[in-house]
Amino acid sequence: MIIEMLLNIVKTILFAILSIFNLPSLPQVLLDSLDTFLDLIFDNLSLIGLFIRPTTFKIIVPVALVLMNFEHIYNVSIWILRKIPFLNIK
């Protein structure tokens, strides 16, 4: 629940920052090719489901992302903890 609240705050801040910029829309050709690529992936999920259950993907993907970025997550966590004076972490 706390993580959800923090993610909502980050999302709100990100949308507020990005709403300042007036970005042009993507060309239709690029949108069509991206849509075709995503359809190719998501239409074949049943084939991938023969080998690995979709619920396994839901568990493995976030864990893999955290493990791949563990050093960055650790550095940010330590930086935040160092900013709290009464913890006295150096």
PDB file of N, CA and C in Angstrom:
ATOM      1  N   MET A   1       0.820  -1.178   0.000  1.00  0.00           N
ATOM      2  CA  MET A   1       0.000   0.000   0.000  1.00  0.00           C
ATOM      3  C   MET A   1       0.872   1.254   0.000  1.00  0.00           C
ATOM      4  N   ILE A   2       1.953   1.216   0.772  1.00  0.00           N
ATOM      5  CA  ILE A   2       2.869   2.348   0.800  1.00  0.00           C
ATOM      6  C   ILE A   2       3.596   2.461  -0.534  1.00  0.00           C
ATOM      7  N   ILE A   3       3.987   1.325  -1.082  1.00  0.00           N
ATOM      8  CA  ILE A   3       4.670   1.338  -2.379  1.00  0.00           C
ATOM      9  C   ILE A   3       3.740   1.868  -3.458  1.00  0.00           C
ATOM     10  N   GLU A   4       2.479   1.476  -3.405  1.00  0.00           N
ATOM     11  CA  GLU A   4       1.507   1.964  -4.377  1.00  0.00           C
ATOM     12  C   GLU A   4       1.353   3.470  -4.274  1.00  0.00           C
ATOM     13  N   MET A   5       1.325   3.996  -3.052  1.00  0.00           N
ATOM     14  CA  MET A   5       1.201   5.433  -2.853  1.00  0.00           C
ATOM     15  C   MET A   5       2.433   6.153  -3.406  1.00  0.00           C
ATOM     16  N   LEU A   6       3.622   5.609  -3.138  1.00  0.00           N
ATOM     17  CA  LEU A   6       4.840   6.235  -3.649  1.00  0.00           C
ATOM     18  C   LEU A   6       4.881   6.207  -5.176  1.00  0.00           C
ATOM     19  N   LEU A   7       4.462   5.105  -5.766  1.00  0.00           N
ATOM     20  CA  LEU A   7       4.443   5.019  -7.224  1.00  0.00           C
ATOM     21  C   LEU A   7       3.428   5.985  -7.827  1.00  0.00           C
ATOM     22  N   ASN A   8       2.285   6.163  -7.160  1.00  0.00           N
ATOM     23  CA  ASN A   8       1.299   7.138  -7.633  1.00  0.00           C
ATOM     24  C   ASN A   8       1.850   8.556  -7.561  1.00  0.00           C
ATOM     25  N   ILE A   9       2.609   8.859  -6.514  1.00  0.00           N
ATOM     26  CA  ILE A   9       3.216  10.184  -6.396  1.00  0.00           C
ATOM     27  C   ILE A   9       4.243  10.395  -7.503  1.00  0.00           C
ATOM     28  N   VAL A  10       5.070   9.382  -7.754  1.00  0.00           N
ATOM     29  CA  VAL A  10       6.069   9.479  -8.820  1.00  0.00           C
ATOM     30  C   VAL A  10       5.390   9.650 -10.171  1.00  0.00           C
ATOM     31  N   LYS A  11       4.311   8.911 -10.402  1.00  0.00           N
ATOM     32  CA  LYS A  11       3.578   9.016 -11.660  1.00  0.00           C
ATOM     33  C   LYS A  11       2.988  10.411 -11.834  1.00  0.00           C
ATOM     34  N   THR A  12       2.428  10.957 -10.767  1.00  0.00           N
ATOM     35  CA  THR A  12       1.840  12.293 -10.829  1.00  0.00           C
ATOM     36  C   THR A  12       2.904  13.342 -11.123  1.00  0.00           C
ATOM     37  N   ILE A  13       4.050  13.225 -10.457  1.00  0.00           N
ATOM     38  CA  ILE A  13       5.142  14.176 -10.697  1.00  0.00           C
ATOM     39  C   ILE A  13       5.659  14.053 -12.123  1.00  0.00           C
ATOM     40  N   LEU A  14       5.804  12.823 -12.598  1.00  0.00           N
ATOM     41  CA  LEU A  14       6.283  12.599 -13.964  1.00  0.00           C
ATOM     42  C   LEU A  14       5.314  13.173 -14.988  1.00  0.00           C
ATOM     43  N   PHE A  15       4.015  12.941 -14.799  1.00  0.00           N
ATOM     44  CA  PHE A  15       3.032  13.503 -15.720  1.00  0.00           C
ATOM     45  C   PHE A  15       3.034  15.024 -15.670  1.00  0.00           C
ATOM     46  N   ALA A  16       3.227  15.595 -14.483  1.00  0.00           N
ATOM     47  CA  ALA A  16       3.266  17.054 -14.363  1.00  0.00           C
ATOM     48  C   ALA A  16       4.471  17.627 -15.104  1.00  0.00           C
ATOM     49  N   ILE A  17       5.612  16.965 -14.980  1.00  0.00           N
ATOM     50  CA  ILE A  17       6.817  17.446 -15.671  1.00  0.00           C
ATOM     51  C   ILE A  17       6.668  17.294 -17.182  1.00  0.00           C
ATOM     52  N   LEU A  18       6.148  16.156 -17.619  1.00  0.00           N
ATOM     53  CA  LEU A  18       6.007  15.918 -19.060  1.00  0.00           C
ATOM     54  C   LEU A  18       4.901  16.755 -19.695  1.00  0.00           C
ATOM     55  N   SER A  19       3.930  17.202 -18.908  1.00  0.00           N
ATOM     56  CA  SER A  19       2.854  18.021 -19.478  1.00  0.00           C
ATOM     57  C   SER A  19       3.348  19.417 -19.848  1.00  0.00           C
ATOM     58  N   ILE A  20       4.503  19.809 -19.307  1.00  0.00           N
ATOM     59  CA  ILE A  20       5.084  21.111 -19.647  1.00  0.00           C
ATOM     60  C   ILE A  20       5.549  21.114 -21.100  1.00  0.00           C
ATOM     61  N   PHE A  21       6.095  19.999 -21.544  1.00  0.00           N
ATOM     62  CA  PHE A  21       6.639  19.902 -22.888  1.00  0.00           C
ATOM     63  C   PHE A  21       5.538  19.585 -23.889  1.00  0.00           C
ATOM     64  N   ASN A  22       5.603  20.231 -25.027  1.00  0.00           N
ATOM     65  CA  ASN A  22       4.650  19.972 -26.100  1.00  0.00           C
ATOM     66  C   ASN A  22       5.357  19.114 -27.152  1.00  0.00           C
ATOM     67  N   LEU A  23       5.252  17.798 -26.988  1.00  0.00           N
ATOM     68  CA  LEU A  23       5.928  16.880 -27.887  1.00  0.00           C
ATOM     69  C   LEU A  23       5.052  16.585 -29.103  1.00  0.00           C
ATOM     70  N   PRO A  24       5.643  16.538 -30.292  1.00  0.00           N
ATOM     71  CA  PRO A  24       4.849  16.213 -31.478  1.00  0.00           C
ATOM     72  C   PRO A  24       4.460  14.737 -31.470  1.00  0.00           C
ATOM     73  N   SER A  25       3.384  14.419 -32.157  1.00  0.00           N
ATOM     74  CA  SER A  25       2.952  13.032 -32.225  1.00  0.00           C
ATOM     75  C   SER A  25       3.882  12.243 -33.150  1.00  0.00           C
ATOM     76  N   LEU A  26       3.900  10.938 -32.940  1.00  0.00           N
ATOM     77  CA  LEU A  26       4.748  10.078 -33.761  1.00  0.00           C
ATOM     78  C   LEU A  26       4.134   9.903 -35.143  1.00  0.00           C
ATOM     79  N   PRO A  27       4.958   9.679 -36.162  1.00  0.00           N
ATOM     80  CA  PRO A  27       4.416   9.426 -37.498  1.00  0.00           C
ATOM     81  C   PRO A  27       3.581   8.142 -37.506  1.00  0.00           C
ATOM     82  N   GLN A  28       2.580   8.106 -38.362  1.00  0.00           N
ATOM     83  CA  GLN A  28       1.662   6.977 -38.424  1.00  0.00           C
ATOM     84  C   GLN A  28       2.378   5.684 -38.803  1.00  0.00           C
ATOM     85  N   VAL A  29       3.400   5.767 -39.634  1.00  0.00           N
ATOM     86  CA  VAL A  29       4.148   4.583 -40.044  1.00  0.00           C
ATOM     87  C   VAL A  29       4.829   3.945 -38.828  1.00  0.00           C
ATOM     88  N   LEU A  30       5.406   4.762 -37.969  1.00  0.00           N
ATOM     89  CA  LEU A  30       6.064   4.248 -36.774  1.00  0.00           C
ATOM     90  C   LEU A  30       5.044   3.640 -35.815  1.00  0.00           C
ATOM     91  N   LEU A  31       3.898   4.279 -35.664  1.00  0.00           N
ATOM     92  CA  LEU A  31       2.854   3.735 -34.800  1.00  0.00           C
ATOM     93  C   LEU A  31       2.333   2.402 -35.322  1.00  0.00           C
ATOM     94  N   ASP A  32       2.184   2.302 -36.646  1.00  0.00           N
ATOM     95  CA  ASP A  32       1.709   1.046 -37.233  1.00  0.00           C
ATOM     96  C   ASP A  32       2.715  -0.083 -37.040  1.00  0.00           C
ATOM     97  N   SER A  33       3.995   0.214 -37.232  1.00  0.00           N
ATOM     98  CA  SER A  33       5.002  -0.839 -37.069  1.00  0.00           C
ATOM     99  C   SER A  33       5.124  -1.254 -35.604  1.00  0.00           C
ATOM    100  N   LEU A  34       5.006  -0.313 -34.684  1.00  0.00           N
ATOM    101  CA  LEU A  34       5.034  -0.645 -33.258  1.00  0.00           C
ATOM    102  C   LEU A  34       3.819  -1.481 -32.876  1.00  0.00           C
ATOM    103  N   ASP A  35       2.670  -1.141 -33.421  1.00  0.00           N
ATOM    104  CA  ASP A  35       1.453  -1.894 -33.147  1.00  0.00           C
ATOM    105  C   ASP A  35       1.551  -3.320 -33.705  1.00  0.00           C
ATOM    106  N   THR A  36       2.135  -3.460 -34.878  1.00  0.00           N
ATOM    107  CA  THR A  36       2.328  -4.777 -35.473  1.00  0.00           C
ATOM    108  C   THR A  36       3.272  -5.627 -34.629  1.00  0.00           C
ATOM    109  N   PHE A  37       4.342  -5.014 -34.154  1.00  0.00           N
ATOM    110  CA  PHE A  37       5.304  -5.728 -33.315  1.00  0.00           C
ATOM    111  C   PHE A  37       4.662  -6.188 -32.012  1.00  0.00           C
ATOM    112  N   LEU A  38       3.899  -5.316 -31.362  1.00  0.00           N
ATOM    113  CA  LEU A  38       3.239  -5.692 -30.110  1.00  0.00           C
ATOM    114  C   LEU A  38       2.170  -6.756 -30.336  1.00  0.00           C
ATOM    115  N   ASP A  39       1.453  -6.672 -31.454  1.00  0.00           N
ATOM    116  CA  ASP A  39       0.481  -7.722 -31.781  1.00  0.00           C
ATOM    117  C   ASP A  39       1.165  -9.065 -31.985  1.00  0.00           C
ATOM    118  N   LEU A  40       2.320  -9.045 -32.616  1.00  0.00           N
ATOM    119  CA  LEU A  40       3.076 -10.276 -32.831  1.00  0.00           C
ATOM    120  C   LEU A  40       3.451 -10.920 -31.502  1.00  0.00           C
ATOM    121  N   ILE A  41       3.866 -10.113 -30.562  1.00  0.00           N
ATOM    122  CA  ILE A  41       4.245 -10.644 -29.246  1.00  0.00           C
ATOM    123  C   ILE A  41       3.029 -11.157 -28.488  1.00  0.00           C
ATOM    124  N   PHE A  42       2.004 -10.337 -28.367  1.00  0.00           N
ATOM    125  CA  PHE A  42       0.869 -10.697 -27.527  1.00  0.00           C
ATOM    126  C   PHE A  42      -0.050 -11.746 -28.155  1.00  0.00           C
ATOM    127  N   ASP A  43      -0.050 -11.869 -29.471  1.00  0.00           N
ATOM    128  CA  ASP A  43      -0.850 -12.919 -30.105  1.00  0.00           C
ATOM    129  C   ASP A  43      -0.220 -14.298 -29.912  1.00  0.00           C
ATOM    130  N   ASN A  44       1.069 -14.342 -29.648  1.00  0.00           N
ATOM    131  CA  ASN A  44       1.764 -15.614 -29.487  1.00  0.00           C
ATOM    132  C   ASN A  44       2.038 -15.966 -28.036  1.00  0.00           C
ATOM    133  N   LEU A  45       1.395 -15.309 -27.120  1.00  0.00           N
ATOM    134  CA  LEU A  45       1.585 -15.634 -25.706  1.00  0.00           C
ATOM    135  C   LEU A  45       1.074 -17.031 -25.381  1.00  0.00           C
ATOM    136  N   SER A  46       0.077 -17.490 -26.111  1.00  0.00           N
ATOM    137  CA  SER A  46      -0.424 -18.840 -25.863  1.00  0.00           C
ATOM    138  C   SER A  46       0.630 -19.885 -26.229  1.00  0.00           C
ATOM    139  N   LEU A  47       1.438 -19.610 -27.246  1.00  0.00           N
ATOM    140  CA  LEU A  47       2.516 -20.522 -27.618  1.00  0.00           C
ATOM    141  C   LEU A  47       3.581 -20.555 -26.517  1.00  0.00           C
ATOM    142  N   ILE A  48       3.916 -19.394 -25.984  1.00  0.00           N
ATOM    143  CA  ILE A  48       4.887 -19.345 -24.883  1.00  0.00           C
ATOM    144  C   ILE A  48       4.296 -20.024 -23.648  1.00  0.00           C
ATOM    145  N   GLY A  49       2.971 -19.931 -23.489  1.00  0.00           N
ATOM    146  CA  GLY A  49       2.302 -20.544 -22.352  1.00  0.00           C
ATOM    147  C   GLY A  49       2.389 -22.058 -22.338  1.00  0.00           C
ATOM    148  N   LEU A  50       2.723 -22.666 -23.473  1.00  0.00           N
ATOM    149  CA  LEU A  50       2.920 -24.109 -23.496  1.00  0.00           C
ATOM    150  C   LEU A  50       4.165 -24.516 -22.716  1.00  0.00           C
ATOM    151  N   PHE A  51       5.159 -23.632 -22.675  1.00  0.00           N
ATOM    152  CA  PHE A  51       6.428 -23.954 -22.028  1.00  0.00           C
ATOM    153  C   PHE A  51       6.520 -23.394 -20.609  1.00  0.00           C
ATOM    154  N   ILE A  52       6.025 -22.179 -20.426  1.00  0.00           N
ATOM    155  CA  ILE A  52       6.097 -21.518 -19.119  1.00  0.00           C
ATOM    156  C   ILE A  52       4.730 -20.906 -18.822  1.00  0.00           C
ATOM    157  N   ARG A  53       4.245 -21.143 -17.605  1.00  0.00           N
ATOM    158  CA  ARG A  53       2.949 -20.593 -17.230  1.00  0.00           C
ATOM    159  C   ARG A  53       3.007 -19.068 -17.149  1.00  0.00           C
ATOM    160  N   PRO A  54       1.951 -18.357 -17.558  1.00  0.00           N
ATOM    161  CA  PRO A  54       1.945 -16.883 -17.479  1.00  0.00           C
ATOM    162  C   PRO A  54       2.096 -16.355 -16.052  1.00  0.00           C
ATOM    163  N   THR A  55       1.597 -17.105 -15.054  1.00  0.00           N
ATOM    164  CA  THR A  55       1.769 -16.648 -13.678  1.00  0.00           C
ATOM    165  C   THR A  55       3.238 -16.665 -13.269  1.00  0.00           C
ATOM    166  N   THR A  56       4.004 -17.569 -13.873  1.00  0.00           N
ATOM    167  CA  THR A  56       5.442 -17.599 -13.598  1.00  0.00           C
ATOM    168  C   THR A  56       6.111 -16.344 -14.132  1.00  0.00           C
ATOM    169  N   PHE A  57       5.675 -15.881 -15.310  1.00  0.00           N
ATOM    170  CA  PHE A  57       6.209 -14.639 -15.859  1.00  0.00           C
ATOM    171  C   PHE A  57       5.925 -13.467 -14.936  1.00  0.00           C
ATOM    172  N   LYS A  58       4.713 -13.441 -14.369  1.00  0.00           N
ATOM    173  CA  LYS A  58       4.335 -12.330 -13.489  1.00  0.00           C
ATOM    174  C   LYS A  58       5.212 -12.272 -12.251  1.00  0.00           C
ATOM    175  N   ILE A  59       5.749 -13.397 -11.840  1.00  0.00           N
ATOM    176  CA  ILE A  59       6.618 -13.436 -10.666  1.00  0.00           C
ATOM    177  C   ILE A  59       8.074 -13.209 -11.063  1.00  0.00           C
ATOM    178  N   ILE A  60       8.515 -13.840 -12.132  1.00  0.00           N
ATOM    179  CA  ILE A  60       9.925 -13.819 -12.512  1.00  0.00           C
ATOM    180  C   ILE A  60      10.375 -12.464 -13.058  1.00  0.00           C
ATOM    181  N   VAL A  61       9.555 -11.789 -13.845  1.00  0.00           N
ATOM    182  CA  VAL A  61       9.983 -10.535 -14.472  1.00  0.00           C
ATOM    183  C   VAL A  61      10.311  -9.460 -13.436  1.00  0.00           C
ATOM    184  N   PRO A  62       9.436  -9.170 -12.449  1.00  0.00           N
ATOM    185  CA  PRO A  62       9.822  -8.154 -11.454  1.00  0.00           C
ATOM    186  C   PRO A  62      11.047  -8.553 -10.631  1.00  0.00           C
ATOM    187  N   VAL A  63      11.146  -9.833 -10.284  1.00  0.00           N
ATOM    188  CA  VAL A  63      12.305 -10.296  -9.511  1.00  0.00           C
ATOM    189  C   VAL A  63      13.578 -10.131 -10.337  1.00  0.00           C
ATOM    190  N   ALA A  64      13.524 -10.459 -11.611  1.00  0.00           N
ATOM    191  CA  ALA A  64      14.699 -10.316 -12.475  1.00  0.00           C
ATOM    192  C   ALA A  64      15.093  -8.846 -12.622  1.00  0.00           C
ATOM    193  N   LEU A  65      14.119  -7.957 -12.757  1.00  0.00           N
ATOM    194  CA  LEU A  65      14.423  -6.529 -12.872  1.00  0.00           C
ATOM    195  C   LEU A  65      15.089  -6.004 -11.607  1.00  0.00           C
ATOM    196  N   VAL A  66      14.588  -6.423 -10.451  1.00  0.00           N
ATOM    197  CA  VAL A  66      15.191  -5.985  -9.187  1.00  0.00           C
ATOM    198  C   VAL A  66      16.604  -6.528  -9.064  1.00  0.00           C
ATOM    199  N   LEU A  67      16.814  -7.791  -9.411  1.00  0.00           N
ATOM    200  CA  LEU A  67      18.146  -8.382  -9.302  1.00  0.00           C
ATOM    201  C   LEU A  67      19.140  -7.735 -10.267  1.00  0.00           C
ATOM    202  N   MET A  68      18.692  -7.410 -11.473  1.00  0.00           N
ATOM    203  CA  MET A  68      19.588  -6.783 -12.438  1.00  0.00           C
ATOM    204  C   MET A  68      19.963  -5.361 -12.024  1.00  0.00           C
ATOM    205  N   ASN A  69      19.069  -4.685 -11.302  1.00  0.00           N
ATOM    206  CA  ASN A  69      19.311  -3.302 -10.893  1.00  0.00           C
ATOM    207  C   ASN A  69      19.584  -3.181  -9.405  1.00  0.00           C
ATOM    208  N   PHE A  70      20.009  -4.258  -8.766  1.00  0.00           N
ATOM    209  CA  PHE A  70      20.190  -4.252  -7.321  1.00  0.00           C
ATOM    210  C   PHE A  70      21.217  -3.221  -6.870  1.00  0.00           C
ATOM    211  N   GLU A  71      22.310  -3.080  -7.611  1.00  0.00           N
ATOM    212  CA  GLU A  71      23.355  -2.128  -7.217  1.00  0.00           C
ATOM    213  C   GLU A  71      22.813  -0.701  -7.219  1.00  0.00           C
ATOM    214  N   HIS A  72      22.027  -0.349  -8.223  1.00  0.00           N
ATOM    215  CA  HIS A  72      21.450   0.999  -8.281  1.00  0.00           C
ATOM    216  C   HIS A  72      20.441   1.208  -7.152  1.00  0.00           C
ATOM    217  N   ILE A  73      19.629   0.203  -6.908  1.00  0.00           N
ATOM    218  CA  ILE A  73      18.641   0.299  -5.827  1.00  0.00           C
ATOM    219  C   ILE A  73      19.349   0.439  -4.484  1.00  0.00           C
ATOM    220  N   TYR A  74      20.414  -0.316  -4.284  1.00  0.00           N
ATOM    221  CA  TYR A  74      21.177  -0.237  -3.043  1.00  0.00           C
ATOM    222  C   TYR A  74      21.800   1.147  -2.869  1.00  0.00           C
ATOM    223  N   ASN A  75      22.409   1.681  -3.937  1.00  0.00           N
ATOM    224  CA  ASN A  75      23.040   2.994  -3.850  1.00  0.00           C
ATOM    225  C   ASN A  75      22.024   4.093  -3.534  1.00  0.00           C
ATOM    226  N   VAL A  76      20.860   4.044  -4.141  1.00  0.00           N
ATOM    227  CA  VAL A  76      19.822   5.039  -3.856  1.00  0.00           C
ATOM    228  C   VAL A  76      19.324   4.890  -2.427  1.00  0.00           C
ATOM    229  N   SER A  77      19.154   3.661  -1.967  1.00  0.00           N
ATOM    230  CA  SER A  77      18.697   3.431  -0.587  1.00  0.00           C
ATOM    231  C   SER A  77      19.698   3.974   0.422  1.00  0.00           C
ATOM    232  N   ILE A  78      20.980   3.713   0.210  1.00  0.00           N
ATOM    233  CA  ILE A  78      22.015   4.216   1.111  1.00  0.00           C
ATOM    234  C   ILE A  78      22.070   5.735   1.062  1.00  0.00           C
ATOM    235  N   TRP A  79      21.920   6.326  -0.108  1.00  0.00           N
ATOM    236  CA  TRP A  79      21.932   7.780  -0.233  1.00  0.00           C
ATOM    237  C   TRP A  79      20.784   8.399   0.572  1.00  0.00           C
ATOM    238  N   ILE A  80      19.607   7.784   0.490  1.00  0.00           N
ATOM    239  CA  ILE A  80      18.454   8.290   1.251  1.00  0.00           C
ATOM    240  C   ILE A  80      18.704   8.122   2.745  1.00  0.00           C
ATOM    241  N   LEU A  81      19.242   6.985   3.155  1.00  0.00           N
ATOM    242  CA  LEU A  81      19.508   6.765   4.579  1.00  0.00           C
ATOM    243  C   LEU A  81      20.569   7.727   5.117  1.00  0.00           C
ATOM    244  N   ARG A  82      21.529   8.104   4.294  1.00  0.00           N
ATOM    245  CA  ARG A  82      22.542   9.066   4.730  1.00  0.00           C
ATOM    246  C   ARG A  82      21.956  10.460   4.932  1.00  0.00           C
ATOM    247  N   LYS A  83      20.866  10.758   4.274  1.00  0.00           N
ATOM    248  CA  LYS A  83      20.233  12.070   4.411  1.00  0.00           C
ATOM    249  C   LYS A  83      19.446  12.203   5.715  1.00  0.00           C
ATOM    250  N   ILE A  84      19.194  11.099   6.412  1.00  0.00           N
ATOM    251  CA  ILE A  84      18.468  11.129   7.679  1.00  0.00           C
ATOM    252  C   ILE A  84      19.500  11.327   8.791  1.00  0.00           C
ATOM    253  N   PRO A  85      19.489  12.489   9.449  1.00  0.00           N
ATOM    254  CA  PRO A  85      20.567  12.829  10.384  1.00  0.00           C
ATOM    255  C   PRO A  85      20.656  11.913  11.599  1.00  0.00           C
ATOM    256  N   PHE A  86      19.533  11.504  12.186  1.00  0.00           N
ATOM    257  CA  PHE A  86      19.602  10.763  13.433  1.00  0.00           C
ATOM    258  C   PHE A  86      20.042   9.320  13.257  1.00  0.00           C
ATOM    259  N   LEU A  87      20.141   8.812  12.024  1.00  0.00           N
ATOM    260  CA  LEU A  87      20.653   7.461  11.804  1.00  0.00           C
ATOM    261  C   LEU A  87      22.174   7.414  11.868  1.00  0.00           C
ATOM    262  N   ASN A  88      22.816   8.542  11.555  1.00  0.00           N
ATOM    263  CA  ASN A  88      24.265   8.686  11.636  1.00  0.00           C
ATOM    264  C   ASN A  88      24.990   7.629  10.813  1.00  0.00           C
ATOM    265  N   ILE A  89      24.571   7.460   9.554  1.00  0.00           N
ATOM    266  CA  ILE A  89      25.201   6.509   8.636  1.00  0.00           C
ATOM    267  C   ILE A  89      26.202   7.287   7.783  1.00  0.00           C
ATOM    268  N   LYS A  90      27.428   6.789   7.726  1.00  0.00           N
ATOM    269  CA  LYS A  90      28.458   7.478   6.939  1.00  0.00           C
ATOM    270  C   LYS A  90      28.998   6.573   5.878  1.00  0.00           C
TER     271      LYS A  90
END
